[in-house]
């Protein structure tokens, strides 16, 4: 009777450990997705800045030609 009860207790303990690890993975994935979204926004902003700078450079280049 002791061994089956011990096996059941260890099974529940194993499930509890897996649940805690699953929650930790979920939290880290949410944090990482937020960082990826932030990096995407920064890349889009930098791309817009680069496009505006290239347009300004092209305009100034046209006016400098003889």
PDB file of N, CA and C in Angstrom:
ATOM      1  N   UNK A   1       0.822  -1.203   0.000  1.00  0.00           N
ATOM      2  CA  UNK A   1       0.000   0.000   0.000  1.00  0.00           C
ATOM      3  C   UNK A   1       0.859   1.257   0.000  1.00  0.00           C
ATOM      4  N   UNK A   2       2.044   1.169   0.561  1.00  0.00           N
ATOM      5  CA  UNK A   2       2.913   2.337   0.623  1.00  0.00           C
ATOM      6  C   UNK A   2       3.434   2.719  -0.758  1.00  0.00           C
ATOM      7  N   UNK A   3       3.830   1.735  -1.552  1.00  0.00           N
ATOM      8  CA  UNK A   3       4.423   2.027  -2.855  1.00  0.00           C
ATOM      9  C   UNK A   3       3.446   2.684  -3.831  1.00  0.00           C
ATOM     10  N   UNK A   4       2.218   2.196  -3.927  1.00  0.00           N
ATOM     11  CA  UNK A   4       1.291   2.896  -4.831  1.00  0.00           C
ATOM     12  C   UNK A   4       1.013   4.342  -4.407  1.00  0.00           C
ATOM     13  N   UNK A   5       0.899   4.584  -3.117  1.00  0.00           N
ATOM     14  CA  UNK A   5       0.666   5.943  -2.637  1.00  0.00           C
ATOM     15  C   UNK A   5       1.878   6.828  -2.926  1.00  0.00           C
ATOM     16  N   UNK A   6       3.064   6.275  -2.760  1.00  0.00           N
ATOM     17  CA  UNK A   6       4.282   7.022  -3.058  1.00  0.00           C
ATOM     18  C   UNK A   6       4.375   7.327  -4.552  1.00  0.00           C
ATOM     19  N   UNK A   7       3.997   6.375  -5.383  1.00  0.00           N
ATOM     20  CA  UNK A   7       4.028   6.594  -6.828  1.00  0.00           C
ATOM     21  C   UNK A   7       3.038   7.681  -7.235  1.00  0.00           C
ATOM     22  N   UNK A   8       1.850   7.663  -6.644  1.00  0.00           N
ATOM     23  CA  UNK A   8       0.843   8.687  -6.950  1.00  0.00           C
ATOM     24  C   UNK A   8       1.326  10.057  -6.482  1.00  0.00           C
ATOM     25  N   UNK A   9       1.915  10.131  -5.301  1.00  0.00           N
ATOM     26  CA  UNK A   9       2.429  11.402  -4.782  1.00  0.00           C
ATOM     27  C   UNK A   9       3.541  11.941  -5.676  1.00  0.00           C
ATOM     28  N   UNK A  10       4.441  11.063  -6.101  1.00  0.00           N
ATOM     29  CA  UNK A  10       5.523  11.509  -6.983  1.00  0.00           C
ATOM     30  C   UNK A  10       4.985  11.939  -8.345  1.00  0.00           C
ATOM     31  N   UNK A  11       3.937  11.292  -8.819  1.00  0.00           N
ATOM     32  CA  UNK A  11       3.316  11.699 -10.080  1.00  0.00           C
ATOM     33  C   UNK A  11       2.726  13.091  -9.979  1.00  0.00           C
ATOM     34  N   UNK A  12       2.006  13.369  -8.900  1.00  0.00           N
ATOM     35  CA  UNK A  12       1.455  14.709  -8.699  1.00  0.00           C
ATOM     36  C   UNK A  12       2.558  15.741  -8.529  1.00  0.00           C
ATOM     37  N   UNK A  13       3.614  15.383  -7.837  1.00  0.00           N
ATOM     38  CA  UNK A  13       4.741  16.296  -7.666  1.00  0.00           C
ATOM     39  C   UNK A  13       5.383  16.601  -9.014  1.00  0.00           C
ATOM     40  N   UNK A  14       5.521  15.594  -9.847  1.00  0.00           N
ATOM     41  CA  UNK A  14       6.078  15.800 -11.184  1.00  0.00           C
ATOM     42  C   UNK A  14       5.203  16.718 -12.018  1.00  0.00           C
ATOM     43  N   UNK A  15       3.893  16.537 -11.929  1.00  0.00           N
ATOM     44  CA  UNK A  15       2.976  17.420 -12.658  1.00  0.00           C
ATOM     45  C   UNK A  15       3.053  18.852 -12.147  1.00  0.00           C
ATOM     46  N   UNK A  16       3.211  19.008 -10.851  1.00  0.00           N
ATOM     47  CA  UNK A  16       3.323  20.356 -10.291  1.00  0.00           C
ATOM     48  C   UNK A  16       4.595  21.043 -10.782  1.00  0.00           C
ATOM     49  N   UNK A  17       5.690  20.299 -10.836  1.00  0.00           N
ATOM     50  CA  UNK A  17       6.950  20.862 -11.326  1.00  0.00           C
ATOM     51  C   UNK A  17       6.800  21.257 -12.792  1.00  0.00           C
ATOM     52  N   UNK A  18       6.178  20.394 -13.585  1.00  0.00           N
ATOM     53  CA  UNK A  18       5.966  20.723 -14.997  1.00  0.00           C
ATOM     54  C   UNK A  18       5.072  21.960 -15.160  1.00  0.00           C
ATOM     55  N   UNK A  19       4.074  22.103 -14.314  1.00  0.00           N
ATOM     56  CA  UNK A  19       3.195  23.268 -14.388  1.00  0.00           C
ATOM     57  C   UNK A  19       3.961  24.546 -14.068  1.00  0.00           C
ATOM     58  N   UNK A  20       4.812  24.503 -13.067  1.00  0.00           N
ATOM     59  CA  UNK A  20       5.615  25.682 -12.715  1.00  0.00           C
ATOM     60  C   UNK A  20       6.549  26.043 -13.858  1.00  0.00           C
ATOM     61  N   UNK A  21       7.178  25.044 -14.455  1.00  0.00           N
ATOM     62  CA  UNK A  21       8.071  25.316 -15.575  1.00  0.00           C
ATOM     63  C   UNK A  21       7.306  25.859 -16.774  1.00  0.00           C
ATOM     64  N   UNK A  22       6.099  25.369 -17.011  1.00  0.00           N
ATOM     65  CA  UNK A  22       5.289  25.871 -18.119  1.00  0.00           C
ATOM     66  C   UNK A  22       4.928  27.339 -17.910  1.00  0.00           C
ATOM     67  N   UNK A  23       4.620  27.714 -16.681  1.00  0.00           N
ATOM     68  CA  UNK A  23       4.304  29.118 -16.384  1.00  0.00           C
ATOM     69  C   UNK A  23       5.535  29.986 -16.609  1.00  0.00           C
ATOM     70  N   UNK A  24       6.703  29.503 -16.199  1.00  0.00           N
ATOM     71  CA  UNK A  24       7.935  30.279 -16.408  1.00  0.00           C
ATOM     72  C   UNK A  24       8.222  30.463 -17.889  1.00  0.00           C
ATOM     73  N   UNK A  25       8.016  29.421 -18.678  1.00  0.00           N
ATOM     74  CA  UNK A  25       8.229  29.521 -20.125  1.00  0.00           C
ATOM     75  C   UNK A  25       7.242  30.516 -20.724  1.00  0.00           C
ATOM     76  N   UNK A  26       5.993  30.468 -20.302  1.00  0.00           N
ATOM     77  CA  UNK A  26       4.977  31.390 -20.803  1.00  0.00           C
ATOM     78  C   UNK A  26       5.364  32.839 -20.517  1.00  0.00           C
ATOM     79  N   UNK A  27       5.825  33.109 -19.320  1.00  0.00           N
ATOM     80  CA  UNK A  27       6.214  34.471 -18.941  1.00  0.00           C
ATOM     81  C   UNK A  27       7.398  34.940 -19.781  1.00  0.00           C
ATOM     82  N   UNK A  28       8.379  34.076 -19.977  1.00  0.00           N
ATOM     83  CA  UNK A  28       9.545  34.456 -20.765  1.00  0.00           C
ATOM     84  C   UNK A  28       9.185  34.671 -22.232  1.00  0.00           C
ATOM     85  N   UNK A  29       8.270  33.874 -22.765  1.00  0.00           N
ATOM     86  CA  UNK A  29       7.848  34.043 -24.152  1.00  0.00           C
ATOM     87  C   UNK A  29       7.129  35.377 -24.326  1.00  0.00           C
ATOM     88  N   UNK A  30       6.297  35.745 -23.375  1.00  0.00           N
ATOM     89  CA  UNK A  30       5.617  37.045 -23.456  1.00  0.00           C
ATOM     90  C   UNK A  30       6.621  38.194 -23.391  1.00  0.00           C
ATOM     91  N   UNK A  31       7.620  38.052 -22.531  1.00  0.00           N
ATOM     92  CA  UNK A  31       8.642  39.094 -22.416  1.00  0.00           C
ATOM     93  C   UNK A  31       9.432  39.204 -23.723  1.00  0.00           C
ATOM     94  N   UNK A  32       9.800  38.072 -24.286  1.00  0.00           N
ATOM     95  CA  UNK A  32      10.546  38.069 -25.537  1.00  0.00           C
ATOM     96  C   UNK A  32       9.717  38.636 -26.684  1.00  0.00           C
ATOM     97  N   UNK A  33       8.436  38.315 -26.724  1.00  0.00           N
ATOM     98  CA  UNK A  33       7.596  38.854 -27.799  1.00  0.00           C
ATOM     99  C   UNK A  33       7.464  40.373 -27.680  1.00  0.00           C
ATOM    100  N   UNK A  34       7.435  40.885 -26.475  1.00  0.00           N
ATOM    101  CA  UNK A  34       7.417  42.337 -26.288  1.00  0.00           C
ATOM    102  C   UNK A  34       8.697  42.979 -26.781  1.00  0.00           C
ATOM    103  N   UNK A  35       9.834  42.335 -26.518  1.00  0.00           N
ATOM    104  CA  UNK A  35      11.105  42.865 -26.996  1.00  0.00           C
ATOM    105  C   UNK A  35      11.185  42.817 -28.514  1.00  0.00           C
ATOM    106  N   UNK A  36      10.664  41.758 -29.117  1.00  0.00           N
ATOM    107  CA  UNK A  36      10.666  41.649 -30.577  1.00  0.00           C
ATOM    108  C   UNK A  36       9.780  42.739 -31.189  1.00  0.00           C
ATOM    109  N   UNK A  37       8.632  42.977 -30.595  1.00  0.00           N
ATOM    110  CA  UNK A  37       7.743  44.032 -31.099  1.00  0.00           C
ATOM    111  C   UNK A  37       8.409  45.395 -30.972  1.00  0.00           C
ATOM    112  N   UNK A  38       9.086  45.645 -29.862  1.00  0.00           N
ATOM    113  CA  UNK A  38       9.782  46.914 -29.674  1.00  0.00           C
ATOM    114  C   UNK A  38      10.899  47.076 -30.705  1.00  0.00           C
ATOM    115  N   UNK A  39      11.646  46.014 -30.944  1.00  0.00           N
ATOM    116  CA  UNK A  39      12.716  46.077 -31.938  1.00  0.00           C
ATOM    117  C   UNK A  39      12.137  46.309 -33.332  1.00  0.00           C
ATOM    118  N   UNK A  40      11.017  45.711 -33.628  1.00  0.00           N
ATOM    119  CA  UNK A  40      10.372  45.936 -34.922  1.00  0.00           C
ATOM    120  C   UNK A  40       9.948  47.381 -35.106  1.00  0.00           C
ATOM    121  N   UNK A  41       9.397  47.979 -34.052  1.00  0.00           N
ATOM    122  CA  UNK A  41       9.017  49.395 -34.118  1.00  0.00           C
ATOM    123  C   UNK A  41      10.245  50.279 -34.321  1.00  0.00           C
ATOM    124  N   UNK A  42      11.333  49.972 -33.615  1.00  0.00           N
ATOM    125  CA  UNK A  42      12.542  50.770 -33.772  1.00  0.00           C
ATOM    126  C   UNK A  42      13.124  50.631 -35.173  1.00  0.00           C
ATOM    127  N   UNK A  43      13.067  49.441 -35.733  1.00  0.00           N
ATOM    128  CA  UNK A  43      13.555  49.238 -37.099  1.00  0.00           C
ATOM    129  C   UNK A  43      12.691  50.011 -38.085  1.00  0.00           C
ATOM    130  N   UNK A  44      11.381  49.992 -37.890  1.00  0.00           N
ATOM    131  CA  UNK A  44      10.489  50.741 -38.778  1.00  0.00           C
ATOM    132  C   UNK A  44      10.749  52.237 -38.675  1.00  0.00           C
ATOM    133  N   UNK A  45      10.966  52.735 -37.474  1.00  0.00           N
ATOM    134  CA  UNK A  45      11.285  54.159 -37.299  1.00  0.00           C
ATOM    135  C   UNK A  45      12.603  54.514 -37.980  1.00  0.00           C
ATOM    136  N   UNK A  46      13.604  53.658 -37.819  1.00  0.00           N
ATOM    137  CA  UNK A  46      14.899  53.917 -38.448  1.00  0.00           C
ATOM    138  C   UNK A  46      14.776  53.866 -39.967  1.00  0.00           C
ATOM    139  N   UNK A  47      13.968  52.967 -40.470  1.00  0.00           N
ATOM    140  CA  UNK A  47      13.756  52.875 -41.918  1.00  0.00           C
ATOM    141  C   UNK A  47      13.101  54.149 -42.446  1.00  0.00           C
ATOM    142  N   UNK A  48      12.128  54.668 -41.727  1.00  0.00           N
ATOM    143  CA  UNK A  48      11.488  55.920 -42.125  1.00  0.00           C
ATOM    144  C   UNK A  48      12.464  57.083 -42.104  1.00  0.00           C
ATOM    145  N   UNK A  49      13.304  57.137 -41.058  1.00  0.00           N
ATOM    146  CA  UNK A  49      14.314  58.193 -40.986  1.00  0.00           C
ATOM    147  C   UNK A  49      15.285  58.096 -42.151  1.00  0.00           C
ATOM    148  N   UNK A  50      15.695  56.891 -42.478  1.00  0.00           N
ATOM    149  CA  UNK A  50      16.627  56.688 -43.589  1.00  0.00           C
ATOM    150  C   UNK A  50      15.984  57.083 -44.916  1.00  0.00           C
ATOM    151  N   UNK A  51      14.721  56.765 -45.073  1.00  0.00           N
ATOM    152  CA  UNK A  51      14.024  57.128 -46.310  1.00  0.00           C
ATOM    153  C   UNK A  51      13.915  58.645 -46.455  1.00  0.00           C
ATOM    154  N   UNK A  52      13.591  59.320 -45.361  1.00  0.00           N
ATOM    155  CA  UNK A  52      13.508  60.788 -45.413  1.00  0.00           C
ATOM    156  C   UNK A  52      14.875  61.401 -45.703  1.00  0.00           C
ATOM    157  N   UNK A  53      15.918  60.863 -45.091  1.00  0.00           N
ATOM    158  CA  UNK A  53      17.264  61.392 -45.324  1.00  0.00           C
ATOM    159  C   UNK A  53      17.689  61.158 -46.775  1.00  0.00           C
ATOM    160  N   UNK A  54      17.337  60.016 -47.329  1.00  0.00           N
ATOM    161  CA  UNK A  54      17.693  59.735 -48.726  1.00  0.00           C
ATOM    162  C   UNK A  54      16.942  60.665 -49.662  1.00  0.00           C
ATOM    163  N   UNK A  55      15.683  60.957 -49.363  1.00  0.00           N
ATOM    164  CA  UNK A  55      14.912  61.867 -50.200  1.00  0.00           C
ATOM    165  C   UNK A  55      15.504  63.277 -50.133  1.00  0.00           C
ATOM    166  N   UNK A  56      15.881  63.712 -48.948  1.00  0.00           N
ATOM    167  CA  UNK A  56      16.506  65.033 -48.805  1.00  0.00           C
ATOM    168  C   UNK A  56      17.830  65.089 -49.557  1.00  0.00           C
ATOM    169  N   UNK A  57      18.601  64.038 -49.487  1.00  0.00           N
ATOM    170  CA  UNK A  57      19.883  63.991 -50.180  1.00  0.00           C
ATOM    171  C   UNK A  57      19.682  64.007 -51.692  1.00  0.00           C
ATOM    172  N   UNK A  58      18.670  63.291 -52.160  1.00  0.00           N
ATOM    173  CA  UNK A  58      18.402  63.272 -53.597  1.00  0.00           C
ATOM    174  C   UNK A  58      17.966  64.660 -54.066  1.00  0.00           C
ATOM    175  N   UNK A  59      17.149  65.344 -53.300  1.00  0.00           N
ATOM    176  CA  UNK A  59      16.728  66.697 -53.679  1.00  0.00           C
ATOM    177  C   UNK A  59      17.910  67.654 -53.716  1.00  0.00           C
ATOM    178  N   UNK A  60      18.773  67.571 -52.727  1.00  0.00           N
ATOM    179  CA  UNK A  60      19.930  68.477 -52.691  1.00  0.00           C
ATOM    180  C   UNK A  60      20.915  68.123 -53.790  1.00  0.00           C
ATOM    181  N   UNK A  61      20.997  66.894 -54.185  1.00  0.00           N
ATOM    182  CA  UNK A  61      21.872  66.491 -55.273  1.00  0.00           C
ATOM    183  C   UNK A  61      21.393  67.017 -56.610  1.00  0.00           C
ATOM    184  N   UNK A  62      20.089  67.037 -56.801  1.00  0.00           N
ATOM    185  CA  UNK A  62      19.524  67.548 -58.054  1.00  0.00           C
ATOM    186  C   UNK A  62      19.777  69.052 -58.187  1.00  0.00           C
ATOM    187  N   UNK A  63      19.677  69.766 -57.093  1.00  0.00           N
ATOM    188  CA  UNK A  63      19.835  71.207 -57.179  1.00  0.00           C
ATOM    189  C   UNK A  63      21.312  71.604 -57.340  1.00  0.00           C
ATOM    190  N   UNK A  64      22.238  70.739 -56.986  1.00  0.00           N
ATOM    191  CA  UNK A  64      23.655  71.069 -57.094  1.00  0.00           C
ATOM    192  C   UNK A  64      24.198  70.793 -58.498  1.00  0.00           C
ATOM    193  N   UNK A  65      23.467  70.050 -59.303  1.00  0.00           N
ATOM    194  CA  UNK A  65      23.958  69.742 -60.651  1.00  0.00           C
ATOM    195  C   UNK A  65      23.869  70.988 -61.531  1.00  0.00           C
ATOM    196  N   UNK A  66      24.841  71.149 -62.455  1.00  0.00           N
ATOM    197  CA  UNK A  66      24.817  72.316 -63.348  1.00  0.00           C
ATOM    198  C   UNK A  66      23.764  72.228 -64.416  1.00  0.00           C
TER     199      UNK A  66
END
